[in-house]
């Protein structure tokens, strides 16, 4: 995962937290829920990137073991 992706995920997480807090303070339950949901998205993106990286590593290991045919 690139630095840019990590920075964007952190920004999304921070904005989600801000939305949640504003929702709490104003009593806006919908905004609060949206903020909580947005905070979870970066984690899912990161998990997907880790899976993708792991698959790439496994693919490379198989190539190294069995060679390119």
PDB file of N, CA and C in Angstrom:
ATOM      1  N   UNK A   1       0.855  -1.158   0.000  1.00  0.00           N
ATOM      2  CA  UNK A   1       0.000   0.000   0.000  1.00  0.00           C
ATOM      3  C   UNK A   1       0.908   1.230   0.000  1.00  0.00           C
ATOM      4  N   UNK A   2       0.631   2.129  -0.887  1.00  0.00           N
ATOM      5  CA  UNK A   2       1.471   3.314  -1.036  1.00  0.00           C
ATOM      6  C   UNK A   2       1.201   4.326   0.076  1.00  0.00           C
ATOM      7  N   UNK A   3       2.144   5.250   0.217  1.00  0.00           N
ATOM      8  CA  UNK A   3       1.984   6.319   1.199  1.00  0.00           C
ATOM      9  C   UNK A   3       0.717   7.117   0.921  1.00  0.00           C
ATOM     10  N   UNK A   4       0.453   7.374  -0.365  1.00  0.00           N
ATOM     11  CA  UNK A   4      -0.733   8.149  -0.748  1.00  0.00           C
ATOM     12  C   UNK A   4      -2.010   7.440  -0.310  1.00  0.00           C
ATOM     13  N   UNK A   5      -2.072   6.130  -0.516  1.00  0.00           N
ATOM     14  CA  UNK A   5      -3.244   5.359  -0.090  1.00  0.00           C
ATOM     15  C   UNK A   5      -3.416   5.417   1.426  1.00  0.00           C
ATOM     16  N   UNK A   6      -2.305   5.282   2.138  1.00  0.00           N
ATOM     17  CA  UNK A   6      -2.372   5.329   3.604  1.00  0.00           C
ATOM     18  C   UNK A   6      -2.856   6.698   4.080  1.00  0.00           C
ATOM     19  N   UNK A   7      -2.336   7.750   3.448  1.00  0.00           N
ATOM     20  CA  UNK A   7      -2.734   9.110   3.833  1.00  0.00           C
ATOM     21  C   UNK A   7      -4.217   9.338   3.551  1.00  0.00           C
ATOM     22  N   UNK A   8      -4.688   8.867   2.389  1.00  0.00           N
ATOM     23  CA  UNK A   8      -6.111   9.025   2.040  1.00  0.00           C
ATOM     24  C   UNK A   8      -6.989   8.253   3.021  1.00  0.00           C
ATOM     25  N   UNK A   9      -6.570   7.045   3.387  1.00  0.00           N
ATOM     26  CA  UNK A   9      -7.342   6.262   4.350  1.00  0.00           C
ATOM     27  C   UNK A   9      -7.405   6.959   5.702  1.00  0.00           C
ATOM     28  N   UNK A  10      -6.294   7.545   6.125  1.00  0.00           N
ATOM     29  CA  UNK A  10      -6.270   8.252   7.411  1.00  0.00           C
ATOM     30  C   UNK A  10      -7.181   9.485   7.356  1.00  0.00           C
ATOM     31  N   UNK A  11      -7.156  10.192   6.228  1.00  0.00           N
ATOM     32  CA  UNK A  11      -8.025  11.350   6.065  1.00  0.00           C
ATOM     33  C   UNK A  11      -9.494  10.931   6.124  1.00  0.00           C
ATOM     34  N   UNK A  12      -9.845   9.859   5.413  1.00  0.00           N
ATOM     35  CA  UNK A  12     -11.229   9.363   5.434  1.00  0.00           C
ATOM     36  C   UNK A  12     -11.654   8.985   6.846  1.00  0.00           C
ATOM     37  N   UNK A  13     -10.747   8.341   7.571  1.00  0.00           N
ATOM     38  CA  UNK A  13     -11.040   7.933   8.945  1.00  0.00           C
ATOM     39  C   UNK A  13     -11.264   9.172   9.834  1.00  0.00           C
ATOM     40  N   UNK A  14     -10.415  10.177   9.671  1.00  0.00           N
ATOM     41  CA  UNK A  14     -10.517  11.400  10.463  1.00  0.00           C
ATOM     42  C   UNK A  14     -11.802  12.158  10.148  1.00  0.00           C
ATOM     43  N   UNK A  15     -12.140  12.254   8.870  1.00  0.00           N
ATOM     44  CA  UNK A  15     -13.378  12.927   8.489  1.00  0.00           C
ATOM     45  C   UNK A  15     -14.599  12.183   9.028  1.00  0.00           C
ATOM     46  N   UNK A  16     -14.541  10.866   9.016  1.00  0.00           N
ATOM     47  CA  UNK A  16     -15.635  10.071   9.578  1.00  0.00           C
ATOM     48  C   UNK A  16     -15.795  10.324  11.065  1.00  0.00           C
ATOM     49  N   UNK A  17     -14.667  10.417  11.772  1.00  0.00           N
ATOM     50  CA  UNK A  17     -14.715  10.690  13.210  1.00  0.00           C
ATOM     51  C   UNK A  17     -15.301  12.076  13.465  1.00  0.00           C
ATOM     52  N   UNK A  18     -14.899  13.049  12.641  1.00  0.00           N
ATOM     53  CA  UNK A  18     -15.439  14.405  12.791  1.00  0.00           C
ATOM     54  C   UNK A  18     -16.947  14.418  12.586  1.00  0.00           C
ATOM     55  N   UNK A  19     -17.412  13.700  11.576  1.00  0.00           N
ATOM     56  CA  UNK A  19     -18.855  13.620  11.321  1.00  0.00           C
ATOM     57  C   UNK A  19     -19.580  13.005  12.510  1.00  0.00           C
ATOM     58  N   UNK A  20     -18.992  11.957  13.058  1.00  0.00           N
ATOM     59  CA  UNK A  20     -19.610  11.294  14.204  1.00  0.00           C
ATOM     60  C   UNK A  20     -19.729  12.259  15.377  1.00  0.00           C
ATOM     61  N   UNK A  21     -18.663  12.997  15.662  1.00  0.00           N
ATOM     62  CA  UNK A  21     -18.671  13.934  16.784  1.00  0.00           C
ATOM     63  C   UNK A  21     -19.685  15.050  16.556  1.00  0.00           C
ATOM     64  N   UNK A  22     -19.718  15.608  15.348  1.00  0.00           N
ATOM     65  CA  UNK A  22     -20.691  16.665  15.042  1.00  0.00           C
ATOM     66  C   UNK A  22     -22.106  16.113  15.199  1.00  0.00           C
ATOM     67  N   UNK A  23     -22.318  14.886  14.747  1.00  0.00           N
ATOM     68  CA  UNK A  23     -23.631  14.265  14.905  1.00  0.00           C
ATOM     69  C   UNK A  23     -24.018  14.104  16.360  1.00  0.00           C
ATOM     70  N   UNK A  24     -23.048  13.704  17.196  1.00  0.00           N
ATOM     71  CA  UNK A  24     -23.309  13.561  18.632  1.00  0.00           C
ATOM     72  C   UNK A  24     -23.681  14.901  19.257  1.00  0.00           C
ATOM     73  N   UNK A  25     -22.873  15.922  18.955  1.00  0.00           N
ATOM     74  CA  UNK A  25     -23.072  17.240  19.568  1.00  0.00           C
ATOM     75  C   UNK A  25     -24.399  17.862  19.149  1.00  0.00           C
ATOM     76  N   UNK A  26     -24.771  17.670  17.895  1.00  0.00           N
ATOM     77  CA  UNK A  26     -26.011  18.291  17.393  1.00  0.00           C
ATOM     78  C   UNK A  26     -27.232  17.411  17.581  1.00  0.00           C
ATOM     79  N   UNK A  27     -27.025  16.185  18.032  1.00  0.00           N
ATOM     80  CA  UNK A  27     -28.146  15.273  18.201  1.00  0.00           C
ATOM     81  C   UNK A  27     -28.635  14.688  16.885  1.00  0.00           C
ATOM     82  N   UNK A  28     -27.802  14.775  15.845  1.00  0.00           N
ATOM     83  CA  UNK A  28     -28.164  14.262  14.524  1.00  0.00           C
ATOM     84  C   UNK A  28     -27.694  12.807  14.425  1.00  0.00           C
ATOM     85  N   UNK A  29     -28.591  11.874  14.706  1.00  0.00           N
ATOM     86  CA  UNK A  29     -28.236  10.459  14.734  1.00  0.00           C
ATOM     87  C   UNK A  29     -27.800   9.946  13.365  1.00  0.00           C
ATOM     88  N   UNK A  30     -28.419  10.481  12.302  1.00  0.00           N
ATOM     89  CA  UNK A  30     -28.057  10.046  10.955  1.00  0.00           C
ATOM     90  C   UNK A  30     -26.607  10.423  10.650  1.00  0.00           C
ATOM     91  N   UNK A  31     -26.218  11.642  10.951  1.00  0.00           N
ATOM     92  CA  UNK A  31     -24.853  12.100  10.711  1.00  0.00           C
ATOM     93  C   UNK A  31     -23.865  11.304  11.559  1.00  0.00           C
ATOM     94  N   UNK A  32     -24.243  11.036  12.772  1.00  0.00           N
ATOM     95  CA  UNK A  32     -23.399  10.248  13.676  1.00  0.00           C
ATOM     96  C   UNK A  32     -23.169   8.842  13.109  1.00  0.00           C
ATOM     97  N   UNK A  33     -24.220   8.213  12.624  1.00  0.00           N
ATOM     98  CA  UNK A  33     -24.111   6.871  12.035  1.00  0.00           C
ATOM     99  C   UNK A  33     -23.269   6.889  10.757  1.00  0.00           C
ATOM    100  N   UNK A  34     -23.460   7.913   9.935  1.00  0.00           N
ATOM    101  CA  UNK A  34     -22.650   8.039   8.722  1.00  0.00           C
ATOM    102  C   UNK A  34     -21.169   8.147   9.078  1.00  0.00           C
ATOM    103  N   UNK A  35     -20.874   8.923  10.095  1.00  0.00           N
ATOM    104  CA  UNK A  35     -19.487   9.076  10.535  1.00  0.00           C
ATOM    105  C   UNK A  35     -18.879   7.765  10.991  1.00  0.00           C
ATOM    106  N   UNK A  36     -19.639   7.002  11.765  1.00  0.00           N
ATOM    107  CA  UNK A  36     -19.142   5.692  12.218  1.00  0.00           C
ATOM    108  C   UNK A  36     -18.896   4.770  11.029  1.00  0.00           C
ATOM    109  N   UNK A  37     -19.818   4.786  10.073  1.00  0.00           N
ATOM    110  CA  UNK A  37     -19.676   3.927   8.889  1.00  0.00           C
ATOM    111  C   UNK A  37     -18.447   4.331   8.080  1.00  0.00           C
ATOM    112  N   UNK A  38     -18.233   5.630   7.930  1.00  0.00           N
ATOM    113  CA  UNK A  38     -17.095   6.102   7.148  1.00  0.00           C
ATOM    114  C   UNK A  38     -15.765   5.759   7.816  1.00  0.00           C
ATOM    115  N   UNK A  39     -15.760   5.661   9.117  1.00  0.00           N
ATOM    116  CA  UNK A  39     -14.528   5.295   9.816  1.00  0.00           C
ATOM    117  C   UNK A  39     -14.131   3.850   9.535  1.00  0.00           C
ATOM    118  N   UNK A  40     -15.101   3.017   9.237  1.00  0.00           N
ATOM    119  CA  UNK A  40     -14.804   1.608   8.970  1.00  0.00           C
ATOM    120  C   UNK A  40     -14.288   1.348   7.572  1.00  0.00           C
ATOM    121  N   UNK A  41     -14.599   2.214   6.624  1.00  0.00           N
ATOM    122  CA  UNK A  41     -14.204   1.999   5.235  1.00  0.00           C
ATOM    123  C   UNK A  41     -12.695   1.902   5.039  1.00  0.00           C
ATOM    124  N   UNK A  42     -11.897   2.800   5.633  1.00  0.00           N
ATOM    125  CA  UNK A  42     -10.451   2.687   5.427  1.00  0.00           C
ATOM    126  C   UNK A  42      -9.886   1.354   5.917  1.00  0.00           C
ATOM    127  N   UNK A  43     -10.428   0.850   7.011  1.00  0.00           N
ATOM    128  CA  UNK A  43      -9.968  -0.447   7.515  1.00  0.00           C
ATOM    129  C   UNK A  43     -10.241  -1.567   6.528  1.00  0.00           C
ATOM    130  N   UNK A  44     -11.395  -1.518   5.897  1.00  0.00           N
ATOM    131  CA  UNK A  44     -11.722  -2.529   4.895  1.00  0.00           C
ATOM    132  C   UNK A  44     -10.802  -2.414   3.684  1.00  0.00           C
ATOM    133  N   UNK A  45     -10.523  -1.176   3.279  1.00  0.00           N
ATOM    134  CA  UNK A  45      -9.611  -0.966   2.149  1.00  0.00           C
ATOM    135  C   UNK A  45      -8.227  -1.513   2.479  1.00  0.00           C
ATOM    136  N   UNK A  46      -7.758  -1.255   3.686  1.00  0.00           N
ATOM    137  CA  UNK A  46      -6.441  -1.730   4.095  1.00  0.00           C
ATOM    138  C   UNK A  46      -6.406  -3.256   4.133  1.00  0.00           C
ATOM    139  N   UNK A  47      -7.454  -3.865   4.628  1.00  0.00           N
ATOM    140  CA  UNK A  47      -7.510  -5.324   4.665  1.00  0.00           C
ATOM    141  C   UNK A  47      -7.465  -5.893   3.254  1.00  0.00           C
ATOM    142  N   UNK A  48      -8.186  -5.269   2.341  1.00  0.00           N
ATOM    143  CA  UNK A  48      -8.159  -5.712   0.944  1.00  0.00           C
ATOM    144  C   UNK A  48      -6.780  -5.582   0.336  1.00  0.00           C
ATOM    145  N   UNK A  49      -6.082  -4.503   0.659  1.00  0.00           N
ATOM    146  CA  UNK A  49      -4.719  -4.313   0.153  1.00  0.00           C
ATOM    147  C   UNK A  49      -3.785  -5.371   0.716  1.00  0.00           C
ATOM    148  N   UNK A  50      -3.960  -5.724   1.983  1.00  0.00           N
ATOM    149  CA  UNK A  50      -3.119  -6.766   2.586  1.00  0.00           C
ATOM    150  C   UNK A  50      -3.356  -8.113   1.912  1.00  0.00           C
ATOM    151  N   UNK A  51      -4.604  -8.415   1.610  1.00  0.00           N
ATOM    152  CA  UNK A  51      -4.922  -9.662   0.917  1.00  0.00           C
ATOM    153  C   UNK A  51      -4.281  -9.661  -0.469  1.00  0.00           C
ATOM    154  N   UNK A  52      -4.416  -8.541  -1.173  1.00  0.00           N
ATOM    155  CA  UNK A  52      -3.848  -8.427  -2.510  1.00  0.00           C
ATOM    156  C   UNK A  52      -2.326  -8.599  -2.457  1.00  0.00           C
ATOM    157  N   UNK A  53      -1.686  -7.982  -1.472  1.00  0.00           N
ATOM    158  CA  UNK A  53      -0.239  -8.116  -1.315  1.00  0.00           C
ATOM    159  C   UNK A  53       0.139  -9.560  -1.026  1.00  0.00           C
ATOM    160  N   UNK A  54      -0.642 -10.216  -0.173  1.00  0.00           N
ATOM    161  CA  UNK A  54      -0.366 -11.615   0.171  1.00  0.00           C
ATOM    162  C   UNK A  54      -0.494 -12.538  -1.026  1.00  0.00           C
ATOM    163  N   UNK A  55      -1.492 -12.307  -1.861  1.00  0.00           N
ATOM    164  CA  UNK A  55      -1.683 -13.116  -3.070  1.00  0.00           C
ATOM    165  C   UNK A  55      -0.502 -12.914  -4.014  1.00  0.00           C
ATOM    166  N   UNK A  56      -0.074 -11.664  -4.152  1.00  0.00           N
ATOM    167  CA  UNK A  56       1.087 -11.379  -5.005  1.00  0.00           C
ATOM    168  C   UNK A  56       2.335 -12.064  -4.489  1.00  0.00           C
ATOM    169  N   UNK A  57       2.538 -12.068  -3.177  1.00  0.00           N
ATOM    170  CA  UNK A  57       3.694 -12.735  -2.577  1.00  0.00           C
ATOM    171  C   UNK A  57       3.630 -14.244  -2.811  1.00  0.00           C
ATOM    172  N   UNK A  58       2.440 -14.820  -2.672  1.00  0.00           N
ATOM    173  CA  UNK A  58       2.278 -16.261  -2.900  1.00  0.00           C
ATOM    174  C   UNK A  58       2.550 -16.599  -4.357  1.00  0.00           C
ATOM    175  N   UNK A  59       2.072 -15.759  -5.251  1.00  0.00           N
ATOM    176  CA  UNK A  59       2.301 -15.965  -6.685  1.00  0.00           C
ATOM    177  C   UNK A  59       3.799 -15.944  -6.988  1.00  0.00           C
ATOM    178  N   UNK A  60       4.503 -14.986  -6.414  1.00  0.00           N
ATOM    179  CA  UNK A  60       5.950 -14.896  -6.611  1.00  0.00           C
ATOM    180  C   UNK A  60       6.665 -16.121  -6.053  1.00  0.00           C
ATOM    181  N   UNK A  61       6.217 -16.608  -4.902  1.00  0.00           N
ATOM    182  CA  UNK A  61       6.839 -17.782  -4.294  1.00  0.00           C
ATOM    183  C   UNK A  61       6.657 -19.006  -5.166  1.00  0.00           C
ATOM    184  N   UNK A  62       5.473 -19.155  -5.763  1.00  0.00           N
ATOM    185  CA  UNK A  62       5.220 -20.290  -6.646  1.00  0.00           C
ATOM    186  C   UNK A  62       6.109 -20.186  -7.888  1.00  0.00           C
ATOM    187  N   UNK A  63       6.236 -18.998  -8.454  1.00  0.00           N
ATOM    188  CA  UNK A  63       7.102 -18.799  -9.617  1.00  0.00           C
ATOM    189  C   UNK A  63       8.550 -19.145  -9.267  1.00  0.00           C
ATOM    190  N   UNK A  64       8.990 -18.696  -8.094  1.00  0.00           N
ATOM    191  CA  UNK A  64      10.359 -18.972  -7.680  1.00  0.00           C
ATOM    192  C   UNK A  64      10.590 -20.458  -7.470  1.00  0.00           C
ATOM    193  N   UNK A  65       9.598 -21.151  -6.949  1.00  0.00           N
ATOM    194  CA  UNK A  65       9.722 -22.570  -6.654  1.00  0.00           C
ATOM    195  C   UNK A  65       9.664 -23.429  -7.910  1.00  0.00           C
ATOM    196  N   UNK A  66       8.720 -23.133  -8.804  1.00  0.00           N
ATOM    197  CA  UNK A  66       8.479 -23.993  -9.955  1.00  0.00           C
ATOM    198  C   UNK A  66       9.005 -23.406 -11.259  1.00  0.00           C
ATOM    199  N   UNK A  67       9.484 -22.205 -11.223  1.00  0.00           N
ATOM    200  CA  UNK A  67      10.008 -21.568 -12.427  1.00  0.00           C
ATOM    201  C   UNK A  67       8.889 -21.145 -13.361  1.00  0.00           C
ATOM    202  N   UNK A  68       9.282 -20.401 -14.362  1.00  0.00           N
ATOM    203  CA  UNK A  68       8.309 -19.919 -15.354  1.00  0.00           C
ATOM    204  C   UNK A  68       8.272 -20.878 -16.510  1.00  0.00           C
ATOM    205  N   UNK A  69       7.110 -21.465 -16.766  1.00  0.00           N
ATOM    206  CA  UNK A  69       6.943 -22.400 -17.895  1.00  0.00           C
ATOM    207  C   UNK A  69       5.815 -21.983 -18.751  1.00  0.00           C
TER     208      UNK A  69
END
